[in-house]
Amino acid sequence: MNELLAKVIDAHGGLERWTKCEKVEATIVSGGGLFPLKGVLQDSNPRRMTAWLHEERSSVLPFGAPDQRTMFTPDRIAIEKLDGTLVGATRPEIRLQAIK
């Protein structure tokens, strides 16, 4: 572990505390100019962003409807109902190929 990382982890309770934490959550408000350029309207409603700390996984809630969320993993990007029912999904490499 490099010195800076060790200092940051120590300042926040140490490595033992870090390994006990599963995820971090934050309230976010999206905005800016990118989505309007793509023709996607953004609202200023707060959303809940969750990022898992020990795996590549994140989620935004609500997304598209009050009972839906996004779920990103390295293998797929999905929109799900809160009960886990799949609304739609794609693989990240397919989206990247479409953008190029």
PDB file of N, CA and C in Angstrom:
ATOM      1  N   MET A   1       0.867  -1.175   0.000  1.00  0.00           N
ATOM      2  CA  MET A   1       0.000   0.000   0.000  1.00  0.00           C
ATOM      3  C   MET A   1       0.906   1.229   0.000  1.00  0.00           C
ATOM      4  N   ASN A   2       0.595   2.207  -0.858  1.00  0.00           N
ATOM      5  CA  ASN A   2       1.449   3.394  -0.881  1.00  0.00           C
ATOM      6  C   ASN A   2       1.177   4.285   0.327  1.00  0.00           C
ATOM      7  N   GLU A   3       2.085   5.201   0.589  1.00  0.00           N
ATOM      8  CA  GLU A   3       2.031   6.027   1.799  1.00  0.00           C
ATOM      9  C   GLU A   3       0.781   6.906   1.860  1.00  0.00           C
ATOM     10  N   LEU A   4       0.405   7.525   0.751  1.00  0.00           N
ATOM     11  CA  LEU A   4      -0.780   8.387   0.743  1.00  0.00           C
ATOM     12  C   LEU A   4      -2.038   7.581   1.046  1.00  0.00           C
ATOM     13  N   LEU A   5      -2.189   6.437   0.397  1.00  0.00           N
ATOM     14  CA  LEU A   5      -3.349   5.602   0.641  1.00  0.00           C
ATOM     15  C   LEU A   5      -3.404   5.157   2.098  1.00  0.00           C
ATOM     16  N   ALA A   6      -2.278   4.785   2.648  1.00  0.00           N
ATOM     17  CA  ALA A   6      -2.226   4.366   4.056  1.00  0.00           C
ATOM     18  C   ALA A   6      -2.670   5.501   4.973  1.00  0.00           C
ATOM     19  N   LYS A   7      -2.248   6.725   4.680  1.00  0.00           N
ATOM     20  CA  LYS A   7      -2.643   7.885   5.503  1.00  0.00           C
ATOM     21  C   LYS A   7      -4.152   8.138   5.408  1.00  0.00           C
ATOM     22  N   VAL A   8      -4.690   8.030   4.207  1.00  0.00           N
ATOM     23  CA  VAL A   8      -6.123   8.267   4.016  1.00  0.00           C
ATOM     24  C   VAL A   8      -6.936   7.207   4.761  1.00  0.00           C
ATOM     25  N   ILE A   9      -6.554   5.949   4.613  1.00  0.00           N
ATOM     26  CA  ILE A   9      -7.275   4.872   5.302  1.00  0.00           C
ATOM     27  C   ILE A   9      -7.162   5.033   6.809  1.00  0.00           C
ATOM     28  N   ASP A  10      -5.981   5.348   7.316  1.00  0.00           N
ATOM     29  CA  ASP A  10      -5.803   5.568   8.756  1.00  0.00           C
ATOM     30  C   ASP A  10      -6.650   6.733   9.253  1.00  0.00           C
ATOM     31  N   ALA A  11      -6.735   7.802   8.460  1.00  0.00           N
ATOM     32  CA  ALA A  11      -7.512   8.984   8.858  1.00  0.00           C
ATOM     33  C   ALA A  11      -9.010   8.689   8.934  1.00  0.00           C
ATOM     34  N   HIS A  12      -9.440   7.616   8.275  1.00  0.00           N
ATOM     35  CA  HIS A  12     -10.857   7.268   8.259  1.00  0.00           C
ATOM     36  C   HIS A  12     -11.163   5.992   9.029  1.00  0.00           C
ATOM     37  N   GLY A  13     -10.315   5.678  10.007  1.00  0.00           N
ATOM     38  CA  GLY A  13     -10.625   4.560  10.892  1.00  0.00           C
ATOM     39  C   GLY A  13      -9.819   3.301  10.694  1.00  0.00           C
ATOM     40  N   GLY A  14      -8.944   3.269   9.721  1.00  0.00           N
ATOM     41  CA  GLY A  14      -8.076   2.121   9.527  1.00  0.00           C
ATOM     42  C   GLY A  14      -8.636   1.075   8.575  1.00  0.00           C
ATOM     43  N   LEU A  15      -7.754   0.157   8.197  1.00  0.00           N
ATOM     44  CA  LEU A  15      -8.102  -0.870   7.221  1.00  0.00           C
ATOM     45  C   LEU A  15      -9.179  -1.820   7.734  1.00  0.00           C
ATOM     46  N   GLU A  16      -9.158  -2.141   9.012  1.00  0.00           N
ATOM     47  CA  GLU A  16     -10.172  -3.037   9.561  1.00  0.00           C
ATOM     48  C   GLU A  16     -11.567  -2.438   9.403  1.00  0.00           C
ATOM     49  N   ARG A  17     -11.685  -1.142   9.674  1.00  0.00           N
ATOM     50  CA  ARG A  17     -12.987  -0.478   9.509  1.00  0.00           C
ATOM     51  C   ARG A  17     -13.399  -0.474   8.038  1.00  0.00           C
ATOM     52  N   TRP A  18     -12.463  -0.189   7.139  1.00  0.00           N
ATOM     53  CA  TRP A  18     -12.735  -0.151   5.705  1.00  0.00           C
ATOM     54  C   TRP A  18     -13.285  -1.489   5.220  1.00  0.00           C
ATOM     55  N   THR A  19     -12.688  -2.585   5.658  1.00  0.00           N
ATOM     56  CA  THR A  19     -13.131  -3.891   5.184  1.00  0.00           C
ATOM     57  C   THR A  19     -14.512  -4.270   5.727  1.00  0.00           C
ATOM     58  N   LYS A  20     -14.935  -3.645   6.816  1.00  0.00           N
ATOM     59  CA  LYS A  20     -16.268  -3.908   7.357  1.00  0.00           C
ATOM     60  C   LYS A  20     -17.369  -3.181   6.578  1.00  0.00           C
ATOM     61  N   CYS A  21     -17.007  -2.118   5.878  1.00  0.00           N
ATOM     62  CA  CYS A  21     -17.990  -1.342   5.106  1.00  0.00           C
ATOM     63  C   CYS A  21     -18.279  -2.053   3.793  1.00  0.00           C
ATOM     64  N   GLU A  22     -19.544  -2.094   3.419  1.00  0.00           N
ATOM     65  CA  GLU A  22     -19.965  -2.784   2.204  1.00  0.00           C
ATOM     66  C   GLU A  22     -20.174  -1.821   1.036  1.00  0.00           C
ATOM     67  N   LYS A  23     -20.783  -0.662   1.316  1.00  0.00           N
ATOM     68  CA  LYS A  23     -21.111   0.273   0.247  1.00  0.00           C
ATOM     69  C   LYS A  23     -21.198   1.686   0.805  1.00  0.00           C
ATOM     70  N   VAL A  24     -21.207   2.644  -0.112  1.00  0.00           N
ATOM     71  CA  VAL A  24     -21.378   4.047   0.249  1.00  0.00           C
ATOM     72  C   VAL A  24     -22.560   4.576  -0.548  1.00  0.00           C
ATOM     73  N   GLU A  25     -23.371   5.420   0.086  1.00  0.00           N
ATOM     74  CA  GLU A  25     -24.546   5.990  -0.565  1.00  0.00           C
ATOM     75  C   GLU A  25     -24.504   7.504  -0.451  1.00  0.00           C
ATOM     76  N   ALA A  26     -25.013   8.162  -1.477  1.00  0.00           N
ATOM     77  CA  ALA A  26     -25.069   9.622  -1.484  1.00  0.00           C
ATOM     78  C   ALA A  26     -26.308  10.081  -2.231  1.00  0.00           C
ATOM     79  N   THR A  27     -26.827  11.222  -1.841  1.00  0.00           N
ATOM     80  CA  THR A  27     -27.907  11.862  -2.591  1.00  0.00           C
ATOM     81  C   THR A  27     -27.259  12.742  -3.646  1.00  0.00           C
ATOM     82  N   ILE A  28     -27.671  12.581  -4.899  1.00  0.00           N
ATOM     83  CA  ILE A  28     -27.086  13.349  -5.995  1.00  0.00           C
ATOM     84  C   ILE A  28     -28.184  14.082  -6.763  1.00  0.00           C
ATOM     85  N   VAL A  29     -27.797  15.166  -7.406  1.00  0.00           N
ATOM     86  CA  VAL A  29     -28.672  15.892  -8.328  1.00  0.00           C
ATOM     87  C   VAL A  29     -27.879  16.044  -9.616  1.00  0.00           C
ATOM     88  N   SER A  30     -28.385  15.460 -10.706  1.00  0.00           N
ATOM     89  CA  SER A  30     -27.665  15.531 -11.972  1.00  0.00           C
ATOM     90  C   SER A  30     -28.028  16.805 -12.705  1.00  0.00           C
ATOM     91  N   GLY A  31     -27.129  17.221 -13.562  1.00  0.00           N
ATOM     92  CA  GLY A  31     -27.362  18.425 -14.334  1.00  0.00           C
ATOM     93  C   GLY A  31     -26.214  18.652 -15.294  1.00  0.00           C
ATOM     94  N   GLY A  32     -26.143  19.846 -15.810  1.00  0.00           N
ATOM     95  CA  GLY A  32     -25.080  20.169 -16.749  1.00  0.00           C
ATOM     96  C   GLY A  32     -25.594  20.196 -18.174  1.00  0.00           C
ATOM     97  N   GLY A  33     -24.668  20.254 -19.117  1.00  0.00           N
ATOM     98  CA  GLY A  33     -25.036  20.422 -20.512  1.00  0.00           C
ATOM     99  C   GLY A  33     -25.012  19.176 -21.369  1.00  0.00           C
ATOM    100  N   LEU A  34     -24.421  18.067 -20.889  1.00  0.00           N
ATOM    101  CA  LEU A  34     -24.267  16.874 -21.724  1.00  0.00           C
ATOM    102  C   LEU A  34     -25.602  16.243 -22.105  1.00  0.00           C
ATOM    103  N   PHE A  35     -26.462  15.995 -21.138  1.00  0.00           N
ATOM    104  CA  PHE A  35     -27.728  15.328 -21.438  1.00  0.00           C
ATOM    105  C   PHE A  35     -28.624  16.163 -22.360  1.00  0.00           C
ATOM    106  N   PRO A  36     -28.761  17.477 -22.142  1.00  0.00           N
ATOM    107  CA  PRO A  36     -29.558  18.271 -23.088  1.00  0.00           C
ATOM    108  C   PRO A  36     -29.005  18.229 -24.523  1.00  0.00           C
ATOM    109  N   LEU A  37     -27.677  18.160 -24.657  1.00  0.00           N
ATOM    110  CA  LEU A  37     -27.089  18.040 -25.996  1.00  0.00           C
ATOM    111  C   LEU A  37     -27.503  16.734 -26.669  1.00  0.00           C
ATOM    112  N   LYS A  38     -27.711  15.705 -25.879  1.00  0.00           N
ATOM    113  CA  LYS A  38     -28.130  14.402 -26.409  1.00  0.00           C
ATOM    114  C   LYS A  38     -29.647  14.303 -26.549  1.00  0.00           C
ATOM    115  N   GLY A  39     -30.361  15.384 -26.176  1.00  0.00           N
ATOM    116  CA  GLY A  39     -31.808  15.380 -26.275  1.00  0.00           C
ATOM    117  C   GLY A  39     -32.495  14.691 -25.103  1.00  0.00           C
ATOM    118  N   VAL A  40     -31.771  14.493 -24.009  1.00  0.00           N
ATOM    119  CA  VAL A  40     -32.331  13.853 -22.820  1.00  0.00           C
ATOM    120  C   VAL A  40     -32.566  14.923 -21.762  1.00  0.00           C
ATOM    121  N   LEU A  41     -33.811  15.114 -21.410  1.00  0.00           N
ATOM    122  CA  LEU A  41     -34.135  16.115 -20.402  1.00  0.00           C
ATOM    123  C   LEU A  41     -33.748  15.616 -19.018  1.00  0.00           C
ATOM    124  N   GLN A  42     -33.210  16.497 -18.221  1.00  0.00           N
ATOM    125  CA  GLN A  42     -32.852  16.181 -16.840  1.00  0.00           C
ATOM    126  C   GLN A  42     -33.725  17.005 -15.914  1.00  0.00           C
ATOM    127  N   ASP A  43     -34.097  16.420 -14.802  1.00  0.00           N
ATOM    128  CA  ASP A  43     -34.812  17.190 -13.801  1.00  0.00           C
ATOM    129  C   ASP A  43     -33.899  17.377 -12.598  1.00  0.00           C
ATOM    130  N   SER A  44     -34.306  18.227 -11.693  1.00  0.00           N
ATOM    131  CA  SER A  44     -33.468  18.512 -10.534  1.00  0.00           C
ATOM    132  C   SER A  44     -33.878  17.692  -9.306  1.00  0.00           C
ATOM    133  N   ASN A  45     -34.622  16.603  -9.526  1.00  0.00           N
ATOM    134  CA  ASN A  45     -35.010  15.750  -8.408  1.00  0.00           C
ATOM    135  C   ASN A  45     -33.794  14.992  -7.864  1.00  0.00           C
ATOM    136  N   PRO A  46     -33.651  14.963  -6.563  1.00  0.00           N
ATOM    137  CA  PRO A  46     -32.544  14.200  -5.977  1.00  0.00           C
ATOM    138  C   PRO A  46     -32.706  12.701  -6.256  1.00  0.00           C
ATOM    139  N   ARG A  47     -31.568  12.043  -6.430  1.00  0.00           N
ATOM    140  CA  ARG A  47     -31.531  10.600  -6.624  1.00  0.00           C
ATOM    141  C   ARG A  47     -30.543  10.006  -5.626  1.00  0.00           C
ATOM    142  N   ARG A  48     -30.663   8.714  -5.401  1.00  0.00           N
ATOM    143  CA  ARG A  48     -29.781   8.013  -4.470  1.00  0.00           C
ATOM    144  C   ARG A  48     -28.764   7.210  -5.274  1.00  0.00           C
ATOM    145  N   MET A  49     -27.483   7.509  -5.090  1.00  0.00           N
ATOM    146  CA  MET A  49     -26.392   6.794  -5.764  1.00  0.00           C
ATOM    147  C   MET A  49     -25.759   5.858  -4.747  1.00  0.00           C
ATOM    148  N   THR A  50     -25.585   4.611  -5.127  1.00  0.00           N
ATOM    149  CA  THR A  50     -24.938   3.623  -4.272  1.00  0.00           C
ATOM    150  C   THR A  50     -23.753   3.039  -5.024  1.00  0.00           C
ATOM    151  N   ALA A  51     -22.607   2.971  -4.368  1.00  0.00           N
ATOM    152  CA  ALA A  51     -21.418   2.333  -4.933  1.00  0.00           C
ATOM    153  C   ALA A  51     -20.914   1.303  -3.931  1.00  0.00           C
ATOM    154  N   TRP A  52     -20.760   0.084  -4.408  1.00  0.00           N
ATOM    155  CA  TRP A  52     -20.233  -0.977  -3.555  1.00  0.00           C
ATOM    156  C   TRP A  52     -18.727  -0.833  -3.484  1.00  0.00           C
ATOM    157  N   LEU A  53     -18.151  -1.046  -2.332  1.00  0.00           N
ATOM    158  CA  LEU A  53     -16.739  -0.757  -2.101  1.00  0.00           C
ATOM    159  C   LEU A  53     -15.792  -1.892  -2.465  1.00  0.00           C
ATOM    160  N   HIS A  54     -16.264  -3.101  -2.484  1.00  0.00           N
ATOM    161  CA  HIS A  54     -15.367  -4.234  -2.717  1.00  0.00           C
ATOM    162  C   HIS A  54     -15.724  -5.024  -3.974  1.00  0.00           C
ATOM    163  N   GLU A  55     -16.535  -4.430  -4.824  1.00  0.00           N
ATOM    164  CA  GLU A  55     -16.875  -5.021  -6.117  1.00  0.00           C
ATOM    165  C   GLU A  55     -17.235  -3.888  -7.071  1.00  0.00           C
ATOM    166  N   GLU A  56     -17.097  -4.129  -8.363  1.00  0.00           N
ATOM    167  CA  GLU A  56     -17.449  -3.123  -9.362  1.00  0.00           C
ATOM    168  C   GLU A  56     -18.955  -3.167  -9.576  1.00  0.00           C
ATOM    169  N   ARG A  57     -19.654  -2.331  -8.834  1.00  0.00           N
ATOM    170  CA  ARG A  57     -21.116  -2.303  -8.887  1.00  0.00           C
ATOM    171  C   ARG A  57     -21.599  -0.958  -8.380  1.00  0.00           C
ATOM    172  N   SER A  58     -22.555  -0.368  -9.096  1.00  0.00           N
ATOM    173  CA  SER A  58     -23.160   0.887  -8.654  1.00  0.00           C
ATOM    174  C   SER A  58     -24.598   0.948  -9.137  1.00  0.00           C
ATOM    175  N   SER A  59     -25.364   1.850  -8.508  1.00  0.00           N
ATOM    176  CA  SER A  59     -26.790   1.943  -8.807  1.00  0.00           C
ATOM    177  C   SER A  59     -27.276   3.369  -8.560  1.00  0.00           C
ATOM    178  N   VAL A  60     -28.275   3.778  -9.347  1.00  0.00           N
ATOM    179  CA  VAL A  60     -28.940   5.067  -9.144  1.00  0.00           C
ATOM    180  C   VAL A  60     -30.436   4.793  -9.036  1.00  0.00           C
ATOM    181  N   LEU A  61     -31.067   5.431  -8.053  1.00  0.00           N
ATOM    182  CA  LEU A  61     -32.483   5.211  -7.758  1.00  0.00           C
ATOM    183  C   LEU A  61     -33.140   6.547  -7.431  1.00  0.00           C
ATOM    184  N   PRO A  62     -34.268   6.892  -7.968  1.00  0.00           N
ATOM    185  CA  PRO A  62     -35.025   6.224  -9.018  1.00  0.00           C
ATOM    186  C   PRO A  62     -34.428   6.516 -10.389  1.00  0.00           C
ATOM    187  N   PHE A  63     -34.792   5.708 -11.368  1.00  0.00           N
ATOM    188  CA  PHE A  63     -34.344   5.909 -12.741  1.00  0.00           C
ATOM    189  C   PHE A  63     -35.481   5.541 -13.690  1.00  0.00           C
ATOM    190  N   GLY A  64     -36.037   6.526 -14.365  1.00  0.00           N
ATOM    191  CA  GLY A  64     -37.097   6.285 -15.345  1.00  0.00           C
ATOM    192  C   GLY A  64     -38.487   6.194 -14.758  1.00  0.00           C
ATOM    193  N   ALA A  65     -38.595   5.674 -13.556  1.00  0.00           N
ATOM    194  CA  ALA A  65     -39.873   5.555 -12.841  1.00  0.00           C
ATOM    195  C   ALA A  65     -39.539   5.434 -11.352  1.00  0.00           C
ATOM    196  N   PRO A  66     -40.460   5.810 -10.490  1.00  0.00           N
ATOM    197  CA  PRO A  66     -40.167   5.782  -9.050  1.00  0.00           C
ATOM    198  C   PRO A  66     -39.776   4.401  -8.510  1.00  0.00           C
ATOM    199  N   ASP A  67     -40.232   3.339  -9.185  1.00  0.00           N
ATOM    200  CA  ASP A  67     -39.934   1.983  -8.696  1.00  0.00           C
ATOM    201  C   ASP A  67     -38.838   1.295  -9.504  1.00  0.00           C
ATOM    202  N   GLN A  68     -37.964   2.080 -10.160  1.00  0.00           N
ATOM    203  CA  GLN A  68     -36.885   1.523 -10.977  1.00  0.00           C
ATOM    204  C   GLN A  68     -35.545   2.107 -10.558  1.00  0.00           C
ATOM    205  N   ARG A  69     -34.481   1.334 -10.839  1.00  0.00           N
ATOM    206  CA  ARG A  69     -33.113   1.761 -10.556  1.00  0.00           C
ATOM    207  C   ARG A  69     -32.200   1.273 -11.675  1.00  0.00           C
ATOM    208  N   THR A  70     -31.040   1.897 -11.797  1.00  0.00           N
ATOM    209  CA  THR A  70     -30.005   1.363 -12.667  1.00  0.00           C
ATOM    210  C   THR A  70     -29.168   0.395 -11.850  1.00  0.00           C
ATOM    211  N   MET A  71     -28.512  -0.533 -12.530  1.00  0.00           N
ATOM    212  CA  MET A  71     -27.547  -1.404 -11.879  1.00  0.00           C
ATOM    213  C   MET A  71     -26.400  -1.618 -12.859  1.00  0.00           C
ATOM    214  N   PHE A  72     -25.221  -1.112 -12.496  1.00  0.00           N
ATOM    215  CA  PHE A  72     -24.039  -1.252 -13.337  1.00  0.00           C
ATOM    216  C   PHE A  72     -23.099  -2.270 -12.721  1.00  0.00           C
ATOM    217  N   THR A  73     -22.676  -3.226 -13.510  1.00  0.00           N
ATOM    218  CA  THR A  73     -21.593  -4.149 -13.168  1.00  0.00           C
ATOM    219  C   THR A  73     -20.703  -4.224 -14.410  1.00  0.00           C
ATOM    220  N   PRO A  74     -19.513  -4.786 -14.302  1.00  0.00           N
ATOM    221  CA  PRO A  74     -18.659  -4.870 -15.496  1.00  0.00           C
ATOM    222  C   PRO A  74     -19.293  -5.651 -16.643  1.00  0.00           C
ATOM    223  N   ASP A  75     -20.214  -6.560 -16.332  1.00  0.00           N
ATOM    224  CA  ASP A  75     -20.818  -7.404 -17.357  1.00  0.00           C
ATOM    225  C   ASP A  75     -22.074  -6.837 -17.992  1.00  0.00           C
ATOM    226  N   ARG A  76     -22.737  -5.886 -17.307  1.00  0.00           N
ATOM    227  CA  ARG A  76     -23.971  -5.367 -17.882  1.00  0.00           C
ATOM    228  C   ARG A  76     -24.365  -4.045 -17.232  1.00  0.00           C
ATOM    229  N   ILE A  77     -25.171  -3.317 -17.976  1.00  0.00           N
ATOM    230  CA  ILE A  77     -25.824  -2.114 -17.478  1.00  0.00           C
ATOM    231  C   ILE A  77     -27.313  -2.406 -17.592  1.00  0.00           C
ATOM    232  N   ALA A  78     -28.030  -2.290 -16.465  1.00  0.00           N
ATOM    233  CA  ALA A  78     -29.432  -2.698 -16.467  1.00  0.00           C
ATOM    234  C   ALA A  78     -30.323  -1.653 -15.810  1.00  0.00           C
ATOM    235  N   ILE A  79     -31.585  -1.703 -16.181  1.00  0.00           N
ATOM    236  CA  ILE A  79     -32.639  -1.000 -15.464  1.00  0.00           C
ATOM    237  C   ILE A  79     -33.501  -2.092 -14.855  1.00  0.00           C
ATOM    238  N   GLU A  80     -33.718  -1.997 -13.558  1.00  0.00           N
ATOM    239  CA  GLU A  80     -34.456  -3.020 -12.827  1.00  0.00           C
ATOM    240  C   GLU A  80     -35.574  -2.387 -12.017  1.00  0.00           C
ATOM    241  N   LYS A  81     -36.606  -3.161 -11.761  1.00  0.00           N
ATOM    242  CA  LYS A  81     -37.605  -2.788 -10.764  1.00  0.00           C
ATOM    243  C   LYS A  81     -36.958  -2.982  -9.394  1.00  0.00           C
ATOM    244  N   LEU A  82     -37.502  -2.363  -8.373  1.00  0.00           N
ATOM    245  CA  LEU A  82     -36.921  -2.481  -7.037  1.00  0.00           C
ATOM    246  C   LEU A  82     -36.941  -3.906  -6.504  1.00  0.00           C
ATOM    247  N   ASP A  83     -37.821  -4.741  -7.030  1.00  0.00           N
ATOM    248  CA  ASP A  83     -37.841  -6.141  -6.610  1.00  0.00           C
ATOM    249  C   ASP A  83     -36.851  -6.998  -7.391  1.00  0.00           C
ATOM    250  N   GLY A  84     -36.067  -6.368  -8.291  1.00  0.00           N
ATOM    251  CA  GLY A  84     -35.061  -7.085  -9.072  1.00  0.00           C
ATOM    252  C   GLY A  84     -35.510  -7.515 -10.451  1.00  0.00           C
ATOM    253  N   THR A  85     -36.792  -7.339 -10.782  1.00  0.00           N
ATOM    254  CA  THR A  85     -37.292  -7.699 -12.106  1.00  0.00           C
ATOM    255  C   THR A  85     -36.584  -6.842 -13.155  1.00  0.00           C
ATOM    256  N   LEU A  86     -36.077  -7.474 -14.204  1.00  0.00           N
ATOM    257  CA  LEU A  86     -35.333  -6.786 -15.244  1.00  0.00           C
ATOM    258  C   LEU A  86     -36.265  -6.026 -16.183  1.00  0.00           C
ATOM    259  N   VAL A  87     -35.984  -4.733 -16.388  1.00  0.00           N
ATOM    260  CA  VAL A  87     -36.724  -3.911 -17.344  1.00  0.00           C
ATOM    261  C   VAL A  87     -35.990  -3.918 -18.681  1.00  0.00           C
ATOM    262  N   GLY A  88     -34.671  -3.792 -18.653  1.00  0.00           N
ATOM    263  CA  GLY A  88     -33.848  -3.803 -19.856  1.00  0.00           C
ATOM    264  C   GLY A  88     -32.385  -3.828 -19.481  1.00  0.00           C
ATOM    265  N   ALA A  89     -31.545  -4.344 -20.378  1.00  0.00           N
ATOM    266  CA  ALA A  89     -30.110  -4.429 -20.075  1.00  0.00           C
ATOM    267  C   ALA A  89     -29.308  -4.464 -21.359  1.00  0.00           C
ATOM    268  N   THR A  90     -28.055  -4.109 -21.242  1.00  0.00           N
ATOM    269  CA  THR A  90     -27.105  -4.217 -22.339  1.00  0.00           C
ATOM    270  C   THR A  90     -25.735  -4.484 -21.738  1.00  0.00           C
ATOM    271  N   ARG A  91     -24.832  -4.925 -22.567  1.00  0.00           N
ATOM    272  CA  ARG A  91     -23.459  -5.122 -22.121  1.00  0.00           C
ATOM    273  C   ARG A  91     -22.687  -3.850 -22.409  1.00  0.00           C
ATOM    274  N   PRO A  92     -21.806  -3.404 -21.508  1.00  0.00           N
ATOM    275  CA  PRO A  92     -21.078  -2.141 -21.706  1.00  0.00           C
ATOM    276  C   PRO A  92     -20.319  -2.068 -23.025  1.00  0.00           C
ATOM    277  N   GLU A  93     -19.721  -3.169 -23.485  1.00  0.00           N
ATOM    278  CA  GLU A  93     -18.938  -3.118 -24.731  1.00  0.00           C
ATOM    279  C   GLU A  93     -19.826  -2.859 -25.942  1.00  0.00           C
ATOM    280  N   ILE A  94     -21.079  -3.289 -25.888  1.00  0.00           N
ATOM    281  CA  ILE A  94     -22.005  -3.006 -26.992  1.00  0.00           C
ATOM    282  C   ILE A  94     -22.284  -1.508 -27.060  1.00  0.00           C
ATOM    283  N   ARG A  95     -22.513  -0.879 -25.909  1.00  0.00           N
ATOM    284  CA  ARG A  95     -22.771   0.566 -25.872  1.00  0.00           C
ATOM    285  C   ARG A  95     -21.549   1.325 -26.365  1.00  0.00           C
ATOM    286  N   LEU A  96     -20.351   0.916 -25.944  1.00  0.00           N
ATOM    287  CA  LEU A  96     -19.139   1.613 -26.370  1.00  0.00           C
ATOM    288  C   LEU A  96     -18.932   1.489 -27.863  1.00  0.00           C
ATOM    289  N   GLN A  97     -19.232   0.346 -28.450  1.00  0.00           N
ATOM    290  CA  GLN A  97     -19.103   0.172 -29.902  1.00  0.00           C
ATOM    291  C   GLN A  97     -20.081   1.081 -30.634  1.00  0.00           C
ATOM    292  N   ALA A  98     -21.272   1.257 -30.100  1.00  0.00           N
ATOM    293  CA  ALA A  98     -22.273   2.099 -30.737  1.00  0.00           C
ATOM    294  C   ALA A  98     -21.867   3.569 -30.700  1.00  0.00           C
ATOM    295  N   ILE A  99     -21.121   3.963 -29.671  1.00  0.00           N
ATOM    296  CA  ILE A  99     -20.701   5.359 -29.525  1.00  0.00           C
ATOM    297  C   ILE A  99     -19.574   5.699 -30.491  1.00  0.00           C
ATOM    298  N   LYS A 100     -18.695   4.747 -30.773  1.00  0.00           N
ATOM    299  CA  LYS A 100     -17.519   5.006 -31.625  1.00  0.00           C
ATOM    300  C   LYS A 100     -17.877   5.388 -33.033  1.00  0.00           C
TER     301      LYS A 100
END
